[in-house]
Amino acid sequence: MTGTEKAQDVQQWISPLLRLCRTAGELILWHYNAPEAHAFEAKGDESPLTRADLASHAELQAGLHALAPDLPILSEESIPADIAQRRQWQRYWLVDPLDGTKEFLARTGEFTINIALIDNNRPVLGMLYLPLERVAYVGIPGLLAQRYSDAGDGTWSTSALATRSLPTGQPMLVLASRRHSGSHLQACLQWLAEHWGPVTRCNMGSALKFSQMAHGQGDFYPRFSPCCEWDTAAGQAVLEAAGGCVLGLDGAPLRYNCRDSLYSPPFYAIGDSAHPLWQQLLHAGWE
C-alpha cells in the first residue's frame, strides 16, 4: 500500500472519531460544570488528575477498541506498556483524554482531547477536539486538513485549514505555554527579535497552540519545557497537514515510540515551514 493509499485508508476513521470525541467532550463538560470540578489528585509526577480525565479516558478507550480492536492504545491515563512490548507496535493510538488539566481546574477553557494514529513512528492522523467550542481540528498529512464544527443536529460543518506565511514587516505571533517559560525560551525570543523584528507573544494552554497555527492564527511555537508524546502527536499531524512542521532541535520531524521515555524532546512548531529564518534558528542552538 502506497503512502497515499494509507492516508486514504485512514480517512475512513474521521467520522467515528468525531462522534467519539463529541461524547467524551460532553463527559468532560459535565464535570467542568459540576460542583466538584475543582477536585483532583496528584499523580506521581505531581500533575493533576481529575474525574473528567478518567471519564474521558474510559470513553475513548472503549470507543477506540471498538473501532479498531487490533490496535494498541497508549493513553496518558492508561497503565504504561512494557518498553519492549510497545517498541514492537507498528501502529497504535496515542491519546491524551484531557490535555490541559491545569487549565480545566483554573477554568481558562483551554483544554482539548488529543487523538493521534501513529504508524511507523510518525503521526498519520491527528484530531484535536475542543469540548467548549465543540470544534475539531483534523489532519492527515499529505491528504487533508480540516476544521469540523458541530452543527448540533448530528452533522458537522467543515472548512479548510492552512498555515499562514510569515507576515513580512509585521510582528511575528509566537504562541507559548501559559505555565512554562525558562531561560531557553527567553533566549529564543530574543534571537527572533534580533533576526526578525517585533515579536508578539501569546500564552495559552494545551494543544490549542497547534490548532491556532493550523488555522493561520500563529507563526511559531517553541517548546523547551517537558511535555509528553501524547501532548504533541495529534497536533503535529494537524499542523503538518495544514502546511507546517514540528521539528526537534536537530531539524528532524518528531518521531514517536523511539525512546525508553515517553517525554518529547524540545521542539519548534512552525507555520511557514519554507521560510529560511527557521534554518538560521536551528543552527543558532539553545541546548
Protein backbone atom coordinates (compact mmCIF):
# COMPACT_ATOMS: atom_id res chain seq x y z
CA MET A 1 0.00 0.00 0.00
CA THR A 2 1.42 3.39 -1.03
CA GLY A 3 1.59 6.37 1.29
CA THR A 4 -1.39 7.98 -0.46
CA GLU A 5 -3.41 4.77 -0.20
CA LYS A 6 -2.58 4.52 3.51
CA ALA A 7 -3.72 8.11 4.05
CA GLN A 8 -6.98 7.44 2.22
CA ASP A 9 -7.49 4.31 4.31
CA VAL A 10 -7.06 6.35 7.49
CA GLN A 11 -9.65 8.89 6.32
CA GLN A 12 -12.49 6.44 7.00
CA TRP A 13 -11.90 6.86 10.74
CA ILE A 14 -12.65 10.58 10.83
CA SER A 15 -16.43 10.29 11.24
CA PRO A 16 -16.39 7.74 14.08
CA LEU A 17 -13.61 9.67 15.83
CA LEU A 18 -15.67 12.86 15.65
CA ARG A 19 -18.60 11.08 17.27
CA LEU A 20 -16.33 9.62 19.92
CA CYS A 21 -14.77 12.99 20.72
CA ARG A 22 -18.20 14.60 20.94
CA THR A 23 -19.30 12.02 23.53
CA ALA A 24 -16.07 12.26 25.54
CA GLY A 25 -16.26 16.04 25.33
CA GLU A 26 -19.77 16.02 26.78
CA LEU A 27 -18.49 13.99 29.72
CA ILE A 28 -15.68 16.49 30.28
CA LEU A 29 -18.14 19.39 30.18
CA TRP A 30 -20.47 17.67 32.65
CA HIS A 31 -17.58 17.51 35.12
CA TYR A 32 -16.44 21.04 34.19
CA ASN A 33 -19.84 22.37 35.26
CA ALA A 34 -20.24 20.13 38.30
CA PRO A 35 -19.76 21.42 41.87
CA GLU A 36 -16.73 19.14 42.38
CA ALA A 37 -14.98 20.38 39.20
CA HIS A 38 -12.06 21.67 41.27
CA ALA A 39 -11.36 18.27 42.87
CA PHE A 40 -8.21 16.39 41.79
CA GLU A 41 -5.49 14.09 43.00
CA ALA A 42 -1.79 14.39 42.23
CA LYS A 43 -0.13 11.77 40.05
CA GLY A 44 3.41 10.55 40.57
CA ASP A 45 4.84 13.47 38.60
CA GLU A 46 2.69 15.90 40.64
CA SER A 47 0.46 16.65 37.65
CA PRO A 48 -3.27 16.78 38.49
CA LEU A 49 -5.77 14.03 37.71
CA THR A 50 -9.49 14.85 37.73
CA ARG A 51 -12.68 12.84 37.35
CA ALA A 52 -13.00 14.40 33.90
CA ASP A 53 -9.63 12.90 32.87
CA LEU A 54 -10.78 9.44 33.96
CA ALA A 55 -14.25 9.69 32.41
CA SER A 56 -12.86 10.82 29.06
CA HIS A 57 -10.17 8.14 29.18
CA ALA A 58 -12.72 5.36 29.78
CA GLU A 59 -14.95 6.57 26.94
CA LEU A 60 -12.08 6.93 24.46
CA GLN A 61 -10.51 3.61 25.44
CA ALA A 62 -13.77 1.73 24.84
CA GLY A 63 -14.56 3.62 21.64
CA LEU A 64 -11.13 3.19 20.06
CA HIS A 65 -11.08 -0.50 20.92
CA ALA A 66 -14.48 -0.94 19.27
CA LEU A 67 -13.28 0.98 16.21
CA ALA A 68 -10.03 -0.96 15.76
CA PRO A 69 -9.81 -3.96 18.14
CA ASP A 70 -6.33 -4.96 16.98
CA LEU A 71 -4.68 -1.57 17.57
CA PRO A 72 -2.94 -0.90 20.90
CA ILE A 73 -3.91 2.26 22.78
CA LEU A 74 -1.40 4.37 24.67
CA SER A 75 -3.21 6.96 26.78
CA GLU A 76 -1.88 9.33 29.39
CA GLU A 77 -4.18 7.71 31.93
CA SER A 78 -3.56 4.06 30.96
CA ILE A 79 -1.13 1.69 32.64
CA PRO A 80 2.15 2.14 30.71
CA ALA A 81 3.03 -0.74 28.44
CA ASP A 82 6.32 -2.52 28.93
CA ILE A 83 9.00 -0.75 26.87
CA ALA A 84 9.94 -3.91 24.97
CA GLN A 85 6.27 -4.56 24.25
CA ARG A 86 5.40 -1.11 22.93
CA ARG A 87 8.57 -0.96 20.84
CA GLN A 88 7.01 -3.76 18.76
CA TRP A 89 3.97 -1.66 17.94
CA GLN A 90 3.99 -0.52 14.33
CA ARG A 91 0.57 1.13 14.50
CA TYR A 92 -1.25 2.36 17.60
CA TRP A 93 -3.43 5.10 19.06
CA LEU A 94 -1.74 7.79 21.13
CA VAL A 95 -4.24 9.67 23.30
CA ASP A 96 -4.50 12.46 25.83
CA PRO A 97 -8.09 12.29 27.07
CA LEU A 98 -7.88 15.75 28.65
CA ASP A 99 -4.90 17.83 27.61
CA GLY A 100 -4.68 20.92 29.79
CA THR A 101 -5.93 19.59 33.11
CA LYS A 102 -4.42 22.58 34.91
CA GLU A 103 -6.39 24.87 32.59
CA PHE A 104 -9.52 22.80 33.28
CA LEU A 105 -9.00 23.37 37.00
CA ALA A 106 -8.20 27.06 36.51
CA ARG A 107 -11.32 27.39 34.32
CA THR A 108 -9.50 29.11 31.46
CA GLY A 109 -11.31 26.88 28.95
CA GLU A 110 -8.00 25.99 27.29
CA PHE A 111 -8.22 22.21 27.18
CA THR A 112 -8.51 19.64 24.40
CA ILE A 113 -8.89 15.96 23.60
CA ASN A 114 -5.91 14.71 21.59
CA ILE A 115 -6.08 11.56 19.45
CA ALA A 116 -3.30 10.51 17.08
CA LEU A 117 -2.75 7.42 15.00
CA ILE A 118 0.94 6.52 14.93
CA ASP A 119 2.29 4.42 12.06
CA ASN A 120 5.99 3.56 11.87
CA ASN A 121 6.83 6.21 14.49
CA ARG A 122 5.02 9.02 12.66
CA PRO A 123 1.60 10.59 13.31
CA VAL A 124 -0.52 9.82 10.23
CA LEU A 125 -3.80 11.12 11.66
CA GLY A 126 -4.43 13.75 14.30
CA MET A 127 -7.59 15.07 15.89
CA LEU A 128 -7.72 17.93 18.40
CA TYR A 129 -11.19 18.36 19.87
CA LEU A 130 -12.16 21.48 21.83
CA PRO A 131 -15.08 20.50 24.09
CA LEU A 132 -16.21 24.02 24.98
CA GLU A 133 -16.33 25.11 21.34
CA ARG A 134 -17.46 21.71 20.01
CA VAL A 135 -14.90 22.06 17.25
CA ALA A 136 -12.36 19.52 15.95
CA TYR A 137 -9.14 20.15 14.06
CA VAL A 138 -8.25 17.15 11.90
CA GLY A 139 -5.12 16.44 9.92
CA ILE A 140 -3.94 13.61 7.69
CA PRO A 141 -0.54 14.77 6.39
CA GLY A 142 -0.44 14.80 2.62
CA LEU A 143 -4.20 14.44 2.25
CA LEU A 144 -6.47 16.55 4.44
CA ALA A 145 -6.52 19.44 6.91
CA GLN A 146 -9.98 20.48 8.08
CA ARG A 147 -11.84 22.18 10.88
CA TYR A 148 -15.11 20.47 11.87
CA SER A 149 -17.78 22.43 13.75
CA ASP A 150 -20.59 20.55 15.47
CA ALA A 151 -23.83 21.83 13.96
CA GLY A 152 -25.83 20.44 16.88
CA ASP A 153 -28.04 18.23 14.75
CA GLY A 154 -25.67 15.30 14.36
CA THR A 155 -23.81 16.86 11.42
CA TRP A 156 -20.59 18.84 11.10
CA SER A 157 -19.76 21.89 9.01
CA THR A 158 -16.24 21.91 7.59
CA SER A 159 -13.64 24.42 6.48
CA ALA A 160 -10.10 24.00 5.22
CA LEU A 161 -7.08 24.61 7.44
CA ALA A 162 -3.87 26.25 6.23
CA THR A 163 -0.94 27.88 7.96
CA ARG A 164 -0.06 31.44 7.06
CA SER A 165 3.10 32.89 5.56
CA LEU A 166 5.32 34.86 7.90
CA PRO A 167 3.98 38.44 7.75
CA THR A 168 6.85 40.46 6.29
CA GLY A 169 7.23 43.79 8.04
CA GLN A 170 4.81 42.81 10.79
CA PRO A 171 5.28 41.26 14.23
CA MET A 172 5.68 37.52 14.41
CA LEU A 173 2.99 35.86 16.53
CA VAL A 174 4.70 33.41 18.89
CA LEU A 175 2.50 31.04 20.86
CA ALA A 176 3.88 29.82 24.16
CA SER A 177 2.86 27.73 27.12
CA ARG A 178 0.80 29.55 29.71
CA ARG A 179 2.57 27.74 32.57
CA HIS A 180 6.12 27.10 31.34
CA SER A 181 8.79 29.61 30.42
CA GLY A 182 12.51 29.43 31.24
CA SER A 183 15.80 30.81 30.02
CA HIS A 184 15.84 28.88 26.73
CA LEU A 185 12.52 30.36 25.68
CA GLN A 186 13.65 33.86 26.61
CA ALA A 187 16.87 33.42 24.62
CA CYS A 188 14.89 32.16 21.64
CA LEU A 189 12.52 35.13 21.76
CA GLN A 190 15.49 37.48 21.97
CA TRP A 191 17.05 35.82 18.91
CA LEU A 192 13.81 36.25 16.98
CA ALA A 193 13.63 39.91 17.95
CA GLU A 194 17.17 40.43 16.66
CA HIS A 195 16.81 38.43 13.42
CA TRP A 196 13.18 39.05 12.52
CA GLY A 197 11.95 42.12 14.34
CA PRO A 198 8.96 42.71 16.60
CA VAL A 199 7.56 39.61 18.26
CA THR A 200 4.13 39.31 19.85
CA ARG A 201 3.86 36.56 22.45
CA CYS A 202 0.54 34.92 23.21
CA ASN A 203 0.37 32.42 26.09
CA MET A 204 -2.17 29.61 26.09
CA GLY A 205 -2.57 26.12 27.47
CA SER A 206 -2.77 22.62 25.99
CA ALA A 207 -2.56 21.64 22.32
CA LEU A 208 -4.60 24.70 21.36
CA LYS A 209 -1.37 26.23 20.12
CA PHE A 210 -1.17 23.65 17.31
CA SER A 211 -4.79 24.25 16.27
CA GLN A 212 -4.30 28.01 16.25
CA MET A 213 -1.27 27.72 13.98
CA ALA A 214 -3.03 25.28 11.64
CA HIS A 215 -5.82 27.85 11.40
CA GLY A 216 -3.38 30.59 10.40
CA GLN A 217 -3.56 32.31 13.79
CA GLY A 218 0.04 31.92 14.90
CA ASP A 219 3.51 31.63 13.40
CA PHE A 220 5.72 29.79 15.85
CA TYR A 221 5.51 27.67 18.99
CA PRO A 222 8.86 26.87 20.64
CA ARG A 223 8.80 24.31 23.46
CA PHE A 224 11.76 23.69 25.73
CA SER A 225 10.00 22.57 28.91
CA PRO A 226 8.94 18.94 29.45
CA CYS A 227 5.85 17.50 27.79
CA CYS A 228 4.89 14.00 26.67
CA GLU A 229 4.32 12.32 23.33
CA TRP A 230 0.52 12.36 23.77
CA ASP A 231 0.76 16.15 24.12
CA THR A 232 2.30 16.64 20.68
CA ALA A 233 1.41 13.82 18.25
CA ALA A 234 -2.12 14.85 17.27
CA GLY A 235 -1.11 18.50 16.98
CA GLN A 236 1.87 17.57 14.84
CA ALA A 237 -0.34 15.67 12.37
CA VAL A 238 -2.79 18.58 12.16
CA LEU A 239 -0.05 21.19 11.71
CA GLU A 240 1.85 19.14 9.11
CA ALA A 241 -1.37 18.56 7.16
CA ALA A 242 -2.04 22.31 7.18
CA GLY A 243 1.41 23.11 5.76
CA GLY A 244 3.56 23.50 8.88
CA CYS A 245 6.04 21.27 10.66
CA VAL A 246 7.14 20.20 14.13
CA LEU A 247 10.91 19.79 14.37
CA GLY A 248 13.29 18.70 17.08
CA LEU A 249 16.27 20.95 17.67
CA ASP A 250 18.18 18.68 15.28
CA GLY A 251 15.88 19.82 12.47
CA ALA A 252 14.15 16.45 12.04
CA PRO A 253 10.37 15.92 12.47
CA LEU A 254 9.40 14.49 15.84
CA ARG A 255 9.09 10.70 15.93
CA TYR A 256 7.23 8.53 18.42
CA ASN A 257 7.87 5.40 20.42
CA CYS A 258 11.58 5.58 19.67
CA ARG A 259 12.85 6.15 23.20
CA ASP A 260 12.52 4.46 26.57
CA SER A 261 10.94 7.62 27.92
CA LEU A 262 7.59 8.96 26.67
CA TYR A 263 8.75 12.55 27.10
CA SER A 264 9.00 14.56 23.89
CA PRO A 265 12.28 16.35 23.18
CA PRO A 266 12.36 20.14 22.88
CA PHE A 267 10.83 21.22 19.57
CA TYR A 268 9.83 24.03 17.25
CA ALA A 269 6.31 24.06 15.80
CA ILE A 270 6.44 26.18 12.66
CA GLY A 271 3.69 27.58 10.46
CA ASP A 272 5.56 28.86 7.40
CA SER A 273 7.85 25.85 7.10
CA ALA A 274 9.56 27.03 3.89
CA HIS A 275 10.84 30.32 5.32
CA PRO A 276 14.68 30.43 5.55
CA LEU A 277 14.57 32.01 9.02
CA TRP A 278 13.99 28.61 10.63
CA GLN A 279 17.18 27.09 9.28
CA GLN A 280 19.09 30.00 10.79
CA LEU A 281 17.34 29.41 14.10
CA LEU A 282 18.14 25.69 14.05
CA HIS A 283 21.80 26.50 13.64
CA ALA A 284 21.72 29.03 16.48
CA GLY A 285 21.29 26.32 19.12
CA TRP A 286 19.71 26.68 22.56
CA GLU A 287 20.67 23.45 24.32
